[in-house]
Amino acid sequence: MAEPPAEEPAPAAPHGKSLGARVVAGKTGPQRLLIWLGAAAAALLAIGTLISALGGWLQPTSSAPAPSSTRVAGSSSPSGPADLVVINNKSAEADAFVKLLLDADGKQPVQLNHMIVAPPGEGASIRLEYGCGSTGCSFTRLEPAGWNFEWATDGKSAWVRGCVRVTAEGGLYLAKHLDLELYLTGPRCDED
């Protein structure tokens, strides 16, 4: 009777050593430590990436964009009329607000009741960033001419309210330097 063929042993790794053993072969203690730290850092990075990816999938999503401007009907600025409009820095509404002011430049005064959430600029001005895109934002200085904005206690937002005449200085829309001077003509534009 013929004997069954003997099983061949699995081929050994080249040189008979594992990859890890070959990497550290002939290395000094500090070199081995450095290799070990690099491998541990790579493993932690891979685990962090995996957790971030899974976390993004597990969190609920909303297709609604975060609000950047809010019309608050019935609320008011200190001593101002209702329908306060909140304009956040670096938002599409900041862009629309700058366009509104530029459209009024040298023309009829415009009625404002806005809370501008943006950092203070030089002097009494507000530094409002607008027209944001992949290359950054443009900014304008909103300057009260002969009057002062009413700053909120947080120091990061101010009420711009009343009937104002606008004068643009230093450039046009999206210019590197645009100053918009706001001259207060009264509390309401519809009053004579």
N, C-alpha and C. Protein backbone atom coordinates (compact mmCIF):
# COMPACT_ATOMS: atom_id res chain seq x y z
N MET A 1 0.82 -1.16 0.00
CA MET A 1 0.00 0.00 0.00
C MET A 1 0.88 1.24 0.00
N ALA A 2 0.44 2.22 -0.73
CA ALA A 2 1.25 3.42 -0.86
C ALA A 2 0.96 4.36 0.30
N GLU A 3 2.00 4.95 0.78
CA GLU A 3 1.83 5.90 1.89
C GLU A 3 1.40 7.26 1.34
N PRO A 4 0.53 7.95 2.12
CA PRO A 4 0.12 9.28 1.66
C PRO A 4 1.32 10.22 1.69
N PRO A 5 1.31 11.20 0.79
CA PRO A 5 2.46 12.10 0.76
C PRO A 5 2.52 12.92 2.06
N ALA A 6 3.71 13.11 2.53
CA ALA A 6 3.91 13.90 3.76
C ALA A 6 3.65 15.37 3.48
N GLU A 7 3.03 16.03 4.48
CA GLU A 7 2.75 17.45 4.31
C GLU A 7 4.06 18.23 4.38
N GLU A 8 4.13 19.18 3.48
CA GLU A 8 5.33 20.00 3.47
C GLU A 8 5.18 21.10 4.52
N PRO A 9 6.22 21.39 5.24
CA PRO A 9 6.11 22.46 6.23
C PRO A 9 5.89 23.81 5.53
N ALA A 10 5.20 24.72 6.25
CA ALA A 10 4.94 26.06 5.68
C ALA A 10 6.28 26.75 5.49
N PRO A 11 6.38 27.51 4.39
CA PRO A 11 7.65 28.18 4.17
C PRO A 11 7.91 29.20 5.27
N ALA A 12 9.12 29.25 5.72
CA ALA A 12 9.51 30.18 6.78
C ALA A 12 9.70 31.56 6.17
N ALA A 13 9.60 32.54 7.02
CA ALA A 13 9.84 33.90 6.56
C ALA A 13 11.27 33.97 6.06
N PRO A 14 11.54 34.83 5.09
CA PRO A 14 12.91 34.93 4.61
C PRO A 14 13.85 35.17 5.78
N HIS A 15 14.94 34.59 5.73
CA HIS A 15 15.98 34.68 6.75
C HIS A 15 15.52 34.08 8.07
N GLY A 16 14.34 33.44 8.12
CA GLY A 16 13.86 32.78 9.32
C GLY A 16 13.41 33.71 10.43
N LYS A 17 13.27 35.02 10.18
CA LYS A 17 12.86 35.95 11.22
C LYS A 17 11.62 36.72 10.78
N SER A 18 10.87 37.18 11.76
CA SER A 18 9.70 37.99 11.46
C SER A 18 10.15 39.38 11.01
N LEU A 19 9.20 40.14 10.44
CA LEU A 19 9.50 41.48 9.98
C LEU A 19 9.98 42.36 11.13
N GLY A 20 9.28 42.28 12.27
CA GLY A 20 9.67 43.08 13.43
C GLY A 20 11.08 42.75 13.90
N ALA A 21 11.40 41.48 13.89
CA ALA A 21 12.74 41.07 14.33
C ALA A 21 13.80 41.56 13.36
N ARG A 22 13.47 41.53 12.06
CA ARG A 22 14.44 42.01 11.08
C ARG A 22 14.64 43.51 11.16
N VAL A 23 13.56 44.28 11.50
CA VAL A 23 13.67 45.74 11.57
C VAL A 23 14.61 46.14 12.71
N VAL A 24 14.50 45.47 13.85
CA VAL A 24 15.30 45.88 15.00
C VAL A 24 16.63 45.14 15.11
N ALA A 25 16.88 44.19 14.21
CA ALA A 25 18.14 43.44 14.27
C ALA A 25 19.31 44.38 14.05
N GLY A 26 20.27 44.31 14.92
CA GLY A 26 21.48 45.10 14.78
C GLY A 26 21.32 46.56 15.21
N LYS A 27 20.21 46.91 15.81
CA LYS A 27 19.99 48.29 16.26
C LYS A 27 20.39 48.43 17.72
N THR A 28 20.79 49.63 18.08
CA THR A 28 21.14 49.90 19.48
C THR A 28 19.87 50.11 20.29
N GLY A 29 20.00 50.16 21.59
CA GLY A 29 18.86 50.36 22.48
C GLY A 29 18.08 51.63 22.16
N PRO A 30 18.75 52.80 22.03
CA PRO A 30 18.00 54.02 21.71
C PRO A 30 17.31 53.94 20.34
N GLN A 31 17.92 53.28 19.36
CA GLN A 31 17.29 53.14 18.04
C GLN A 31 16.04 52.27 18.14
N ARG A 32 16.12 51.20 18.94
CA ARG A 32 14.96 50.33 19.13
C ARG A 32 13.83 51.10 19.82
N LEU A 33 14.18 51.93 20.82
CA LEU A 33 13.18 52.73 21.51
C LEU A 33 12.51 53.69 20.54
N LEU A 34 13.29 54.33 19.68
CA LEU A 34 12.75 55.27 18.71
C LEU A 34 11.82 54.56 17.72
N ILE A 35 12.20 53.39 17.28
CA ILE A 35 11.35 52.60 16.37
C ILE A 35 10.05 52.23 17.07
N TRP A 36 10.15 51.82 18.32
CA TRP A 36 8.97 51.43 19.08
C TRP A 36 8.04 52.63 19.27
N LEU A 37 8.58 53.81 19.61
CA LEU A 37 7.77 55.01 19.79
C LEU A 37 7.08 55.42 18.48
N GLY A 38 7.79 55.30 17.37
CA GLY A 38 7.19 55.62 16.08
C GLY A 38 6.04 54.69 15.74
N ALA A 39 6.23 53.41 16.02
CA ALA A 39 5.16 52.44 15.76
C ALA A 39 3.95 52.70 16.66
N ALA A 40 4.21 53.04 17.93
CA ALA A 40 3.11 53.34 18.85
C ALA A 40 2.36 54.60 18.41
N ALA A 41 3.09 55.63 17.97
CA ALA A 41 2.45 56.86 17.50
C ALA A 41 1.61 56.59 16.26
N ALA A 42 2.11 55.79 15.35
CA ALA A 42 1.35 55.45 14.14
C ALA A 42 0.08 54.68 14.49
N ALA A 43 0.18 53.77 15.46
CA ALA A 43 -0.99 53.00 15.88
C ALA A 43 -2.03 53.92 16.53
N LEU A 44 -1.59 54.84 17.39
CA LEU A 44 -2.52 55.77 18.03
C LEU A 44 -3.18 56.68 17.00
N LEU A 45 -2.42 57.14 16.01
CA LEU A 45 -2.97 57.97 14.95
C LEU A 45 -4.03 57.20 14.15
N ALA A 46 -3.75 55.96 13.86
CA ALA A 46 -4.71 55.14 13.12
C ALA A 46 -5.98 54.93 13.94
N ILE A 47 -5.83 54.69 15.23
CA ILE A 47 -7.00 54.49 16.10
C ILE A 47 -7.81 55.79 16.20
N GLY A 48 -7.13 56.92 16.35
CA GLY A 48 -7.81 58.21 16.41
C GLY A 48 -8.57 58.53 15.14
N THR A 49 -7.96 58.23 14.01
CA THR A 49 -8.62 58.45 12.72
C THR A 49 -9.87 57.58 12.60
N LEU A 50 -9.77 56.35 13.02
CA LEU A 50 -10.91 55.44 12.98
C LEU A 50 -12.03 55.93 13.89
N ILE A 51 -11.69 56.38 15.09
CA ILE A 51 -12.71 56.89 16.01
C ILE A 51 -13.36 58.14 15.44
N SER A 52 -12.57 59.03 14.86
CA SER A 52 -13.13 60.25 14.26
C SER A 52 -14.08 59.91 13.12
N ALA A 53 -13.69 58.98 12.29
CA ALA A 53 -14.54 58.59 11.17
C ALA A 53 -15.84 57.97 11.66
N LEU A 54 -15.74 57.08 12.63
CA LEU A 54 -16.95 56.46 13.16
C LEU A 54 -17.80 57.48 13.91
N GLY A 55 -17.17 58.39 14.62
CA GLY A 55 -17.91 59.43 15.35
C GLY A 55 -18.69 60.31 14.41
N GLY A 56 -18.13 60.64 13.26
CA GLY A 56 -18.84 61.45 12.27
C GLY A 56 -20.05 60.73 11.71
N TRP A 57 -19.95 59.43 11.57
CA TRP A 57 -21.08 58.66 11.05
C TRP A 57 -22.18 58.50 12.09
N LEU A 58 -21.78 58.43 13.36
CA LEU A 58 -22.75 58.15 14.40
C LEU A 58 -23.50 59.39 14.88
N GLN A 59 -22.95 60.57 14.65
CA GLN A 59 -23.61 61.79 15.11
C GLN A 59 -24.75 62.15 14.18
N PRO A 60 -25.85 62.67 14.76
CA PRO A 60 -26.95 63.11 13.89
C PRO A 60 -26.52 64.30 13.07
N THR A 61 -27.01 64.34 11.84
CA THR A 61 -26.66 65.45 10.97
C THR A 61 -27.89 66.28 10.69
N SER A 62 -27.65 67.52 10.38
CA SER A 62 -28.73 68.43 10.02
C SER A 62 -28.33 69.13 8.74
N SER A 63 -29.23 69.21 7.81
CA SER A 63 -28.91 69.88 6.56
C SER A 63 -29.08 71.38 6.67
N ALA A 64 -29.63 71.86 7.78
CA ALA A 64 -29.84 73.29 7.95
C ALA A 64 -28.52 73.95 8.36
N PRO A 65 -28.13 75.04 7.70
CA PRO A 65 -26.91 75.72 8.09
C PRO A 65 -27.09 76.43 9.42
N ALA A 66 -25.99 76.66 10.10
CA ALA A 66 -26.05 77.41 11.36
C ALA A 66 -26.50 78.83 11.07
N PRO A 67 -27.34 79.38 11.92
CA PRO A 67 -27.82 80.73 11.65
C PRO A 67 -26.70 81.74 11.79
N SER A 68 -26.61 82.67 10.83
CA SER A 68 -25.61 83.72 10.91
C SER A 68 -26.27 85.07 11.05
N SER A 69 -27.55 85.13 10.83
CA SER A 69 -28.30 86.36 11.04
C SER A 69 -29.65 85.97 11.58
N THR A 70 -30.12 86.73 12.51
CA THR A 70 -31.39 86.42 13.12
C THR A 70 -32.23 87.67 13.20
N ARG A 71 -33.44 87.57 12.76
CA ARG A 71 -34.38 88.67 12.94
C ARG A 71 -35.20 88.29 14.16
N VAL A 72 -35.10 89.10 15.18
CA VAL A 72 -35.77 88.81 16.44
C VAL A 72 -36.98 89.72 16.54
N ALA A 73 -38.13 89.22 16.09
CA ALA A 73 -39.36 90.02 16.13
C ALA A 73 -39.79 90.21 17.57
N GLY A 74 -40.14 91.41 17.90
CA GLY A 74 -40.61 91.71 19.23
C GLY A 74 -39.51 92.02 20.22
N SER A 75 -38.26 91.68 19.92
CA SER A 75 -37.18 92.04 20.82
C SER A 75 -36.66 93.39 20.38
N SER A 76 -35.88 94.00 21.19
CA SER A 76 -35.39 95.31 20.81
C SER A 76 -34.03 95.57 21.40
N SER A 77 -33.36 96.50 20.81
CA SER A 77 -32.12 96.98 21.37
C SER A 77 -32.47 97.90 22.52
N PRO A 78 -31.49 98.29 23.34
CA PRO A 78 -31.83 99.19 24.43
C PRO A 78 -32.43 100.47 23.87
N SER A 79 -33.61 100.75 24.19
CA SER A 79 -34.36 101.94 23.76
C SER A 79 -34.60 102.00 22.26
N GLY A 80 -34.59 100.84 21.57
CA GLY A 80 -34.82 100.83 20.13
C GLY A 80 -36.11 100.13 19.78
N PRO A 81 -36.56 100.27 18.52
CA PRO A 81 -37.80 99.62 18.10
C PRO A 81 -37.63 98.11 17.93
N ALA A 82 -38.75 97.44 17.73
CA ALA A 82 -38.74 95.99 17.57
C ALA A 82 -38.08 95.58 16.25
N ASP A 83 -37.99 94.27 16.02
CA ASP A 83 -37.40 93.67 14.83
C ASP A 83 -35.91 93.97 14.70
N LEU A 84 -35.20 93.65 15.75
CA LEU A 84 -33.75 93.76 15.77
C LEU A 84 -33.16 92.70 14.86
N VAL A 85 -32.20 93.06 14.02
CA VAL A 85 -31.52 92.10 13.13
C VAL A 85 -30.12 91.89 13.67
N VAL A 86 -29.75 90.62 13.89
CA VAL A 86 -28.43 90.28 14.41
C VAL A 86 -27.55 89.86 13.24
N ILE A 87 -26.40 90.52 13.09
CA ILE A 87 -25.45 90.21 12.02
C ILE A 87 -24.18 89.66 12.65
N ASN A 88 -23.84 88.43 12.31
CA ASN A 88 -22.61 87.82 12.83
C ASN A 88 -21.46 88.07 11.87
N ASN A 89 -20.28 88.25 12.45
CA ASN A 89 -19.06 88.46 11.70
C ASN A 89 -18.81 87.26 10.76
N LYS A 90 -18.24 87.49 9.61
CA LYS A 90 -17.85 86.44 8.65
C LYS A 90 -19.04 85.63 8.14
N SER A 91 -20.18 86.26 7.97
CA SER A 91 -21.37 85.52 7.52
C SER A 91 -21.87 86.11 6.20
N ALA A 92 -22.76 85.37 5.57
CA ALA A 92 -23.39 85.87 4.34
C ALA A 92 -24.21 87.12 4.64
N GLU A 93 -24.80 87.19 5.83
CA GLU A 93 -25.56 88.37 6.21
C GLU A 93 -24.66 89.57 6.42
N ALA A 94 -23.42 89.35 6.89
CA ALA A 94 -22.47 90.46 6.99
C ALA A 94 -22.18 91.01 5.60
N ASP A 95 -22.05 90.11 4.64
CA ASP A 95 -21.83 90.50 3.25
C ASP A 95 -23.02 91.33 2.73
N ALA A 96 -24.23 90.86 2.99
CA ALA A 96 -25.44 91.60 2.55
C ALA A 96 -25.55 92.95 3.26
N PHE A 97 -25.15 93.01 4.53
CA PHE A 97 -25.21 94.27 5.28
C PHE A 97 -24.25 95.30 4.68
N VAL A 98 -23.04 94.87 4.33
CA VAL A 98 -22.07 95.79 3.71
C VAL A 98 -22.61 96.27 2.37
N LYS A 99 -23.21 95.38 1.59
CA LYS A 99 -23.80 95.79 0.31
C LYS A 99 -24.94 96.79 0.51
N LEU A 100 -25.76 96.58 1.55
CA LEU A 100 -26.83 97.51 1.86
C LEU A 100 -26.26 98.90 2.16
N LEU A 101 -25.21 98.94 2.95
CA LEU A 101 -24.60 100.23 3.29
C LEU A 101 -23.94 100.88 2.08
N LEU A 102 -23.29 100.08 1.23
CA LEU A 102 -22.67 100.65 0.03
C LEU A 102 -23.73 101.17 -0.95
N ASP A 103 -24.87 100.49 -1.02
CA ASP A 103 -25.96 100.97 -1.89
C ASP A 103 -26.49 102.31 -1.40
N ALA A 104 -26.40 102.57 -0.09
CA ALA A 104 -26.90 103.82 0.47
C ALA A 104 -25.84 104.92 0.47
N ASP A 105 -24.62 104.60 0.05
CA ASP A 105 -23.52 105.57 0.07
C ASP A 105 -23.87 106.82 -0.73
N GLY A 106 -23.91 107.97 -0.04
CA GLY A 106 -24.17 109.25 -0.69
C GLY A 106 -25.61 109.44 -1.13
N LYS A 107 -26.50 108.54 -0.76
CA LYS A 107 -27.91 108.63 -1.18
C LYS A 107 -28.78 108.89 0.04
N GLN A 108 -30.01 108.47 -0.03
CA GLN A 108 -30.95 108.62 1.08
C GLN A 108 -30.45 107.87 2.30
N PRO A 109 -30.72 108.39 3.49
CA PRO A 109 -30.37 107.66 4.71
C PRO A 109 -31.10 106.32 4.78
N VAL A 110 -30.55 105.40 5.54
CA VAL A 110 -31.12 104.07 5.68
C VAL A 110 -31.44 103.83 7.16
N GLN A 111 -32.58 103.16 7.39
CA GLN A 111 -33.00 102.85 8.76
C GLN A 111 -32.30 101.56 9.20
N LEU A 112 -31.61 101.62 10.34
CA LEU A 112 -30.91 100.45 10.86
C LEU A 112 -31.40 100.13 12.26
N ASN A 113 -31.52 98.87 12.55
CA ASN A 113 -31.76 98.35 13.89
C ASN A 113 -31.07 96.99 13.94
N HIS A 114 -29.75 97.05 14.02
CA HIS A 114 -28.92 95.85 13.90
C HIS A 114 -28.01 95.70 15.10
N MET A 115 -27.84 94.46 15.52
CA MET A 115 -26.79 94.14 16.48
C MET A 115 -25.68 93.48 15.68
N ILE A 116 -24.52 94.10 15.67
CA ILE A 116 -23.38 93.58 14.93
C ILE A 116 -22.51 92.81 15.91
N VAL A 117 -22.37 91.51 15.67
CA VAL A 117 -21.53 90.67 16.52
C VAL A 117 -20.18 90.54 15.83
N ALA A 118 -19.28 91.46 16.19
CA ALA A 118 -17.96 91.54 15.57
C ALA A 118 -17.05 92.29 16.55
N PRO A 119 -15.75 92.10 16.42
CA PRO A 119 -14.85 92.74 17.37
C PRO A 119 -14.76 94.25 17.15
N PRO A 120 -14.46 94.98 18.23
CA PRO A 120 -14.26 96.41 18.06
C PRO A 120 -13.02 96.68 17.22
N GLY A 121 -13.06 97.77 16.48
CA GLY A 121 -11.91 98.19 15.68
C GLY A 121 -11.19 99.33 16.37
N GLU A 122 -10.50 100.13 15.59
CA GLU A 122 -9.80 101.28 16.14
C GLU A 122 -10.80 102.33 16.60
N GLY A 123 -10.49 103.00 17.69
CA GLY A 123 -11.38 104.04 18.18
C GLY A 123 -12.74 103.48 18.53
N ALA A 124 -13.79 104.09 18.01
CA ALA A 124 -15.16 103.66 18.31
C ALA A 124 -15.72 102.76 17.22
N SER A 125 -14.90 102.30 16.30
CA SER A 125 -15.41 101.56 15.14
C SER A 125 -15.62 100.08 15.44
N ILE A 126 -16.31 99.42 14.51
CA ILE A 126 -16.50 97.97 14.53
C ILE A 126 -15.77 97.41 13.33
N ARG A 127 -15.02 96.32 13.52
CA ARG A 127 -14.33 95.66 12.41
C ARG A 127 -15.20 94.49 11.97
N LEU A 128 -15.86 94.64 10.83
CA LEU A 128 -16.77 93.61 10.32
C LEU A 128 -16.13 92.91 9.13
N GLU A 129 -15.99 91.60 9.24
CA GLU A 129 -15.43 90.81 8.14
C GLU A 129 -16.58 90.29 7.29
N TYR A 130 -16.43 90.40 5.97
CA TYR A 130 -17.49 90.05 5.02
C TYR A 130 -16.85 89.51 3.75
N GLY A 131 -17.67 89.04 2.82
CA GLY A 131 -17.17 88.55 1.54
C GLY A 131 -16.20 87.40 1.70
N CYS A 132 -16.45 86.52 2.65
CA CYS A 132 -15.52 85.42 2.96
C CYS A 132 -15.57 84.34 1.89
N GLY A 133 -14.42 83.83 1.55
CA GLY A 133 -14.30 82.76 0.56
C GLY A 133 -13.08 81.92 0.86
N SER A 134 -12.63 81.19 -0.11
CA SER A 134 -11.51 80.28 0.09
C SER A 134 -10.20 81.02 0.36
N THR A 135 -10.13 82.29 -0.02
CA THR A 135 -8.90 83.06 0.20
C THR A 135 -8.99 83.94 1.44
N GLY A 136 -10.06 83.83 2.21
CA GLY A 136 -10.21 84.63 3.41
C GLY A 136 -11.36 85.60 3.30
N CYS A 137 -11.32 86.65 4.12
CA CYS A 137 -12.40 87.64 4.18
C CYS A 137 -11.86 89.04 3.92
N SER A 138 -12.72 89.89 3.44
CA SER A 138 -12.43 91.32 3.39
C SER A 138 -12.98 91.91 4.69
N PHE A 139 -12.55 93.11 5.02
CA PHE A 139 -13.13 93.72 6.20
C PHE A 139 -13.40 95.18 5.97
N THR A 140 -14.34 95.68 6.73
CA THR A 140 -14.66 97.10 6.71
C THR A 140 -14.69 97.59 8.14
N ARG A 141 -14.40 98.86 8.27
CA ARG A 141 -14.57 99.50 9.57
C ARG A 141 -15.86 100.30 9.51
N LEU A 142 -16.78 99.99 10.40
CA LEU A 142 -18.01 100.76 10.54
C LEU A 142 -17.71 101.83 11.57
N GLU A 143 -17.74 103.09 11.15
CA GLU A 143 -17.33 104.18 12.02
C GLU A 143 -18.51 105.12 12.29
N PRO A 144 -18.87 105.31 13.57
CA PRO A 144 -19.92 106.28 13.88
C PRO A 144 -19.32 107.68 13.80
N ALA A 145 -19.92 108.55 13.00
CA ALA A 145 -19.40 109.91 12.83
C ALA A 145 -20.21 110.85 13.72
N GLY A 146 -19.62 111.29 14.82
CA GLY A 146 -20.28 112.23 15.72
C GLY A 146 -21.24 111.59 16.71
N TRP A 147 -21.21 110.30 16.87
CA TRP A 147 -22.05 109.58 17.83
C TRP A 147 -21.35 108.28 18.18
N ASN A 148 -21.86 107.48 19.07
CA ASN A 148 -21.23 106.22 19.49
C ASN A 148 -22.20 105.06 19.37
N PHE A 149 -21.65 103.91 19.02
CA PHE A 149 -22.45 102.69 19.04
C PHE A 149 -22.73 102.33 20.50
N GLU A 150 -23.80 101.59 20.73
CA GLU A 150 -24.12 101.10 22.07
C GLU A 150 -23.55 99.69 22.18
N TRP A 151 -22.42 99.56 22.88
CA TRP A 151 -21.75 98.26 23.01
C TRP A 151 -22.44 97.43 24.08
N ALA A 152 -22.61 96.14 23.80
CA ALA A 152 -23.16 95.22 24.78
C ALA A 152 -22.10 94.97 25.85
N THR A 153 -22.52 94.42 26.96
CA THR A 153 -21.59 94.20 28.07
C THR A 153 -20.50 93.18 27.73
N ASP A 154 -20.74 92.32 26.73
CA ASP A 154 -19.71 91.34 26.36
C ASP A 154 -18.55 91.98 25.60
N GLY A 155 -18.72 93.23 25.13
CA GLY A 155 -17.66 93.92 24.40
C GLY A 155 -17.42 93.38 23.01
N LYS A 156 -18.25 92.43 22.56
CA LYS A 156 -18.06 91.80 21.25
C LYS A 156 -19.21 92.10 20.30
N SER A 157 -20.18 92.87 20.73
CA SER A 157 -21.31 93.19 19.87
C SER A 157 -21.80 94.59 20.22
N ALA A 158 -22.36 95.25 19.20
CA ALA A 158 -22.85 96.61 19.39
C ALA A 158 -24.13 96.81 18.60
N TRP A 159 -24.99 97.65 19.13
CA TRP A 159 -26.22 98.01 18.43
C TRP A 159 -25.94 99.18 17.51
N VAL A 160 -26.37 99.05 16.27
CA VAL A 160 -26.30 100.13 15.29
C VAL A 160 -27.76 100.40 14.94
N ARG A 161 -28.27 101.51 15.45
CA ARG A 161 -29.70 101.76 15.28
C ARG A 161 -29.94 103.23 15.01
N GLY A 162 -30.98 103.48 14.24
CA GLY A 162 -31.37 104.83 13.90
C GLY A 162 -31.30 105.03 12.41
N CYS A 163 -31.60 106.25 12.01
CA CYS A 163 -31.55 106.63 10.60
C CYS A 163 -30.15 107.16 10.32
N VAL A 164 -29.42 106.50 9.44
CA VAL A 164 -28.03 106.89 9.21
C VAL A 164 -27.78 107.20 7.73
N ARG A 165 -26.92 108.16 7.52
CA ARG A 165 -26.43 108.49 6.18
C ARG A 165 -25.05 107.84 6.08
N VAL A 166 -24.75 107.20 4.96
CA VAL A 166 -23.53 106.42 4.80
C VAL A 166 -22.58 107.13 3.85
N THR A 167 -21.31 107.16 4.23
CA THR A 167 -20.24 107.66 3.35
C THR A 167 -19.14 106.61 3.32
N ALA A 168 -18.84 106.12 2.13
CA ALA A 168 -17.77 105.12 1.96
C ALA A 168 -16.46 105.83 1.67
N GLU A 169 -15.41 105.35 2.29
CA GLU A 169 -14.06 105.89 2.06
C GLU A 169 -13.09 104.74 1.88
N GLY A 170 -12.13 104.92 1.00
CA GLY A 170 -11.03 103.98 0.90
C GLY A 170 -11.20 102.84 -0.07
N GLY A 171 -12.30 102.72 -0.74
CA GLY A 171 -12.40 101.63 -1.70
C GLY A 171 -13.84 101.24 -1.97
N LEU A 172 -13.96 100.20 -2.73
CA LEU A 172 -15.26 99.68 -3.11
C LEU A 172 -15.48 98.33 -2.44
N TYR A 173 -16.55 97.66 -2.84
CA TYR A 173 -16.86 96.35 -2.30
C TYR A 173 -15.68 95.40 -2.47
N LEU A 174 -15.32 94.69 -1.42
CA LEU A 174 -14.21 93.74 -1.34
C LEU A 174 -12.84 94.40 -1.45
N ALA A 175 -12.77 95.71 -1.28
CA ALA A 175 -11.48 96.40 -1.29
C ALA A 175 -10.71 96.00 -0.02
N LYS A 176 -9.37 96.09 -0.11
CA LYS A 176 -8.58 95.75 1.07
C LYS A 176 -8.86 96.70 2.23
N HIS A 177 -9.14 97.94 1.93
CA HIS A 177 -9.39 98.93 2.99
C HIS A 177 -10.69 99.65 2.66
N LEU A 178 -11.72 99.39 3.44
CA LEU A 178 -13.01 100.02 3.23
C LEU A 178 -13.51 100.55 4.56
N ASP A 179 -13.71 101.85 4.62
CA ASP A 179 -14.29 102.49 5.80
C ASP A 179 -15.69 102.97 5.44
N LEU A 180 -16.64 102.65 6.27
CA LEU A 180 -18.01 103.12 6.09
C LEU A 180 -18.35 104.01 7.27
N GLU A 181 -18.45 105.31 7.01
CA GLU A 181 -18.81 106.26 8.06
C GLU A 181 -20.32 106.37 8.12
N LEU A 182 -20.86 106.28 9.32
CA LEU A 182 -22.30 106.31 9.54
C LEU A 182 -22.63 107.58 10.31
N TYR A 183 -23.40 108.45 9.67
CA TYR A 183 -23.84 109.72 10.27
C TYR A 183 -25.27 109.55 10.74
N LEU A 184 -25.52 109.66 12.04
CA LEU A 184 -26.84 109.53 12.58
C LEU A 184 -27.64 110.80 12.29
N THR A 185 -28.79 110.63 11.60
CA THR A 185 -29.63 111.79 11.28
C THR A 185 -30.85 111.87 12.19
N GLY A 186 -31.13 110.81 12.92
CA GLY A 186 -32.26 110.79 13.83
C GLY A 186 -32.61 109.37 14.21
N PRO A 187 -33.59 109.22 15.10
CA PRO A 187 -33.96 107.86 15.51
C PRO A 187 -34.69 107.09 14.42
N ARG A 188 -35.47 107.78 13.57
CA ARG A 188 -36.22 107.10 12.52
C ARG A 188 -36.12 107.90 11.24
N CYS A 189 -36.03 107.20 10.11
CA CYS A 189 -35.94 107.88 8.81
C CYS A 189 -37.29 108.42 8.37
N ASP A 190 -38.40 107.86 8.86
CA ASP A 190 -39.72 108.30 8.42
C ASP A 190 -40.21 109.52 9.17
N GLU A 191 -39.41 110.05 10.10
CA GLU A 191 -39.79 111.27 10.83
C GLU A 191 -39.18 112.47 10.14
N ASP A 192 -39.88 113.54 10.06
CA ASP A 192 -39.36 114.76 9.42
C ASP A 192 -38.72 115.67 10.44
